[in-house]
């Protein structure tokens, strides 16, 4: 009986570990409406993955959208640094380092081998504009 319970527990853990693979998840970020930096919720990666891809969509709500988005990463969840583009390890469209915010802008960034445990998006707008940012990510 104990062996059966152990087997069920191991199978359940395995299913939970693979449940993240291929599932599109959403990060939330406050609307960009000032020059103050706003941060998205945290994407936590547990386990080993071939890649993590982020996609951000900027939608103008008022004024003229402008500002910047940056991808940041951390190993401890406390200290974050911007992810810098490195050939072969990080690929971005249009670029991996950052996105200049404008209405309808779409940013995609892929990090191969998902080297960090924690990820977030830092966004800065400007006064007199309002931009909604929708962020999704997927682990493969």
Protein backbone atom coordinates (compact mmCIF):
# COMPACT_ATOMS: atom_id res chain seq x y z
CA UNK A 1 0.00 0.00 0.00
CA UNK A 2 2.83 2.36 0.88
CA UNK A 3 4.49 1.68 -2.48
CA UNK A 4 1.30 2.54 -4.32
CA UNK A 5 0.94 5.83 -2.44
CA UNK A 6 4.58 6.65 -3.16
CA UNK A 7 4.09 5.87 -6.85
CA UNK A 8 0.99 8.11 -7.00
CA UNK A 9 2.89 10.93 -5.27
CA UNK A 10 5.82 10.67 -7.70
CA UNK A 11 3.45 10.68 -10.68
CA UNK A 12 1.61 13.73 -9.34
CA UNK A 13 4.87 15.64 -8.86
CA UNK A 14 5.96 14.73 -12.38
CA UNK A 15 2.66 15.92 -13.83
CA UNK A 16 2.90 19.23 -11.95
CA UNK A 17 6.47 19.76 -13.15
CA UNK A 18 5.51 19.29 -16.81
CA UNK A 19 2.27 21.27 -16.51
CA UNK A 20 4.17 24.53 -17.14
CA UNK A 21 5.64 23.37 -20.44
CA UNK A 22 3.78 24.85 -23.39
CA UNK A 23 1.15 26.66 -21.31
CA UNK A 24 0.79 30.36 -22.13
CA UNK A 25 0.74 32.40 -18.93
CA UNK A 26 0.02 36.07 -18.31
CA UNK A 27 1.95 38.63 -16.27
CA UNK A 28 0.18 41.76 -15.07
CA UNK A 29 1.64 45.26 -15.07
CA UNK A 30 0.05 48.54 -14.07
CA UNK A 31 -0.91 50.88 -16.90
CA UNK A 32 2.04 53.03 -17.97
CA UNK A 33 0.93 56.61 -17.34
CA UNK A 34 3.91 58.40 -15.73
CA UNK A 35 7.69 58.50 -15.98
CA UNK A 36 7.78 56.26 -12.88
CA UNK A 37 9.02 52.66 -13.38
CA UNK A 38 6.30 50.02 -12.97
CA UNK A 39 7.01 46.31 -12.69
CA UNK A 40 5.05 43.32 -13.88
CA UNK A 41 4.19 40.39 -11.70
CA UNK A 42 6.95 37.77 -11.45
CA UNK A 43 7.40 34.76 -13.73
CA UNK A 44 8.98 32.02 -11.62
CA UNK A 45 10.75 29.21 -13.45
CA UNK A 46 11.25 25.97 -11.57
CA UNK A 47 13.02 23.20 -13.37
CA UNK A 48 15.06 23.00 -16.54
CA UNK A 49 13.62 24.33 -19.80
CA UNK A 50 14.98 24.79 -23.32
CA UNK A 51 13.55 28.31 -23.61
CA UNK A 52 11.29 30.95 -22.14
CA UNK A 53 9.61 33.41 -24.50
CA UNK A 54 7.97 36.67 -23.47
CA UNK A 55 5.55 38.67 -25.61
CA UNK A 56 4.36 42.19 -24.79
CA UNK A 57 1.66 44.17 -26.59
CA UNK A 58 1.34 47.94 -26.09
CA UNK A 59 -2.08 49.54 -26.54
CA UNK A 60 -2.55 53.31 -26.45
CA UNK A 61 -5.39 54.40 -24.17
CA UNK A 62 -4.78 58.16 -24.06
CA UNK A 63 -2.23 60.68 -25.26
CA UNK A 64 0.60 59.35 -27.42
CA UNK A 65 2.19 56.14 -26.19
CA UNK A 66 5.88 56.34 -25.49
CA UNK A 67 8.35 55.02 -22.96
CA UNK A 68 10.32 51.82 -22.68
CA UNK A 69 10.00 48.17 -21.62
CA UNK A 70 12.94 46.11 -20.30
CA UNK A 71 13.17 42.43 -19.39
CA UNK A 72 14.80 41.89 -15.98
CA UNK A 73 15.94 38.66 -14.30
CA UNK A 74 17.03 37.48 -10.87
CA UNK A 75 18.40 34.36 -9.20
CA UNK A 76 17.02 35.21 -5.75
CA UNK A 77 13.82 37.14 -6.50
CA UNK A 78 15.16 40.21 -4.69
CA UNK A 79 17.85 41.72 -6.89
CA UNK A 80 16.96 42.22 -10.56
CA UNK A 81 19.18 43.25 -13.45
CA UNK A 82 18.24 43.94 -17.08
CA UNK A 83 18.69 40.99 -19.42
CA UNK A 84 21.27 41.99 -22.04
CA UNK A 85 21.15 40.66 -25.59
CA UNK A 86 23.80 38.03 -26.28
CA UNK A 87 24.08 36.35 -29.65
CA UNK A 88 22.76 32.81 -29.57
CA UNK A 89 21.46 32.93 -25.97
CA UNK A 90 18.81 35.65 -26.30
CA UNK A 91 16.84 36.50 -29.41
CA UNK A 92 14.42 39.40 -29.63
CA UNK A 93 12.02 40.88 -32.12
CA UNK A 94 12.56 43.70 -32.85
CA UNK A 95 15.48 43.59 -30.33
CA UNK A 96 16.04 41.70 -27.08
CA UNK A 97 17.35 44.48 -24.86
CA UNK A 98 14.25 46.69 -24.72
CA UNK A 99 11.20 47.94 -26.56
CA UNK A 100 10.35 51.55 -27.32
CA UNK A 101 6.67 51.83 -26.38
CA UNK A 102 4.27 52.95 -29.09
CA UNK A 103 0.69 52.10 -29.92
CA UNK A 104 0.41 48.57 -31.30
CA UNK A 105 4.05 47.68 -30.62
CA UNK A 106 4.68 43.96 -30.10
CA UNK A 107 7.87 42.72 -28.45
CA UNK A 108 9.01 39.10 -28.34
CA UNK A 109 12.08 37.92 -26.43
CA UNK A 110 13.34 34.33 -26.16
CA UNK A 111 15.99 33.24 -23.65
CA UNK A 112 17.45 29.84 -24.38
CA UNK A 113 18.05 27.38 -21.51
CA UNK A 114 16.04 29.71 -19.19
CA UNK A 115 19.10 30.60 -17.09
CA UNK A 116 17.35 32.54 -14.30
CA UNK A 117 14.65 31.60 -11.81
CA UNK A 118 12.73 34.90 -11.71
CA UNK A 119 11.73 37.25 -14.53
CA UNK A 120 9.76 40.49 -14.73
CA UNK A 121 9.15 43.36 -17.15
CA UNK A 122 10.01 46.92 -16.12
CA UNK A 123 7.97 49.56 -17.92
CA UNK A 124 8.25 53.34 -18.01
CA UNK A 125 5.83 55.67 -19.71
CA UNK A 126 5.73 59.45 -19.76
CA UNK A 127 3.41 62.03 -18.29
CA UNK A 128 0.25 62.85 -20.27
CA UNK A 129 -0.04 59.45 -21.94
CA UNK A 130 -1.62 56.17 -20.93
CA UNK A 131 -0.56 52.81 -22.34
CA UNK A 132 -1.86 49.35 -21.43
CA UNK A 133 0.73 46.56 -21.67
CA UNK A 134 -0.31 42.92 -22.03
CA UNK A 135 2.46 40.44 -21.23
CA UNK A 136 2.43 36.69 -21.85
CA UNK A 137 5.09 34.03 -21.61
CA UNK A 138 5.61 30.39 -22.47
CA UNK A 139 8.13 27.76 -21.35
CA UNK A 140 9.36 25.11 -23.78
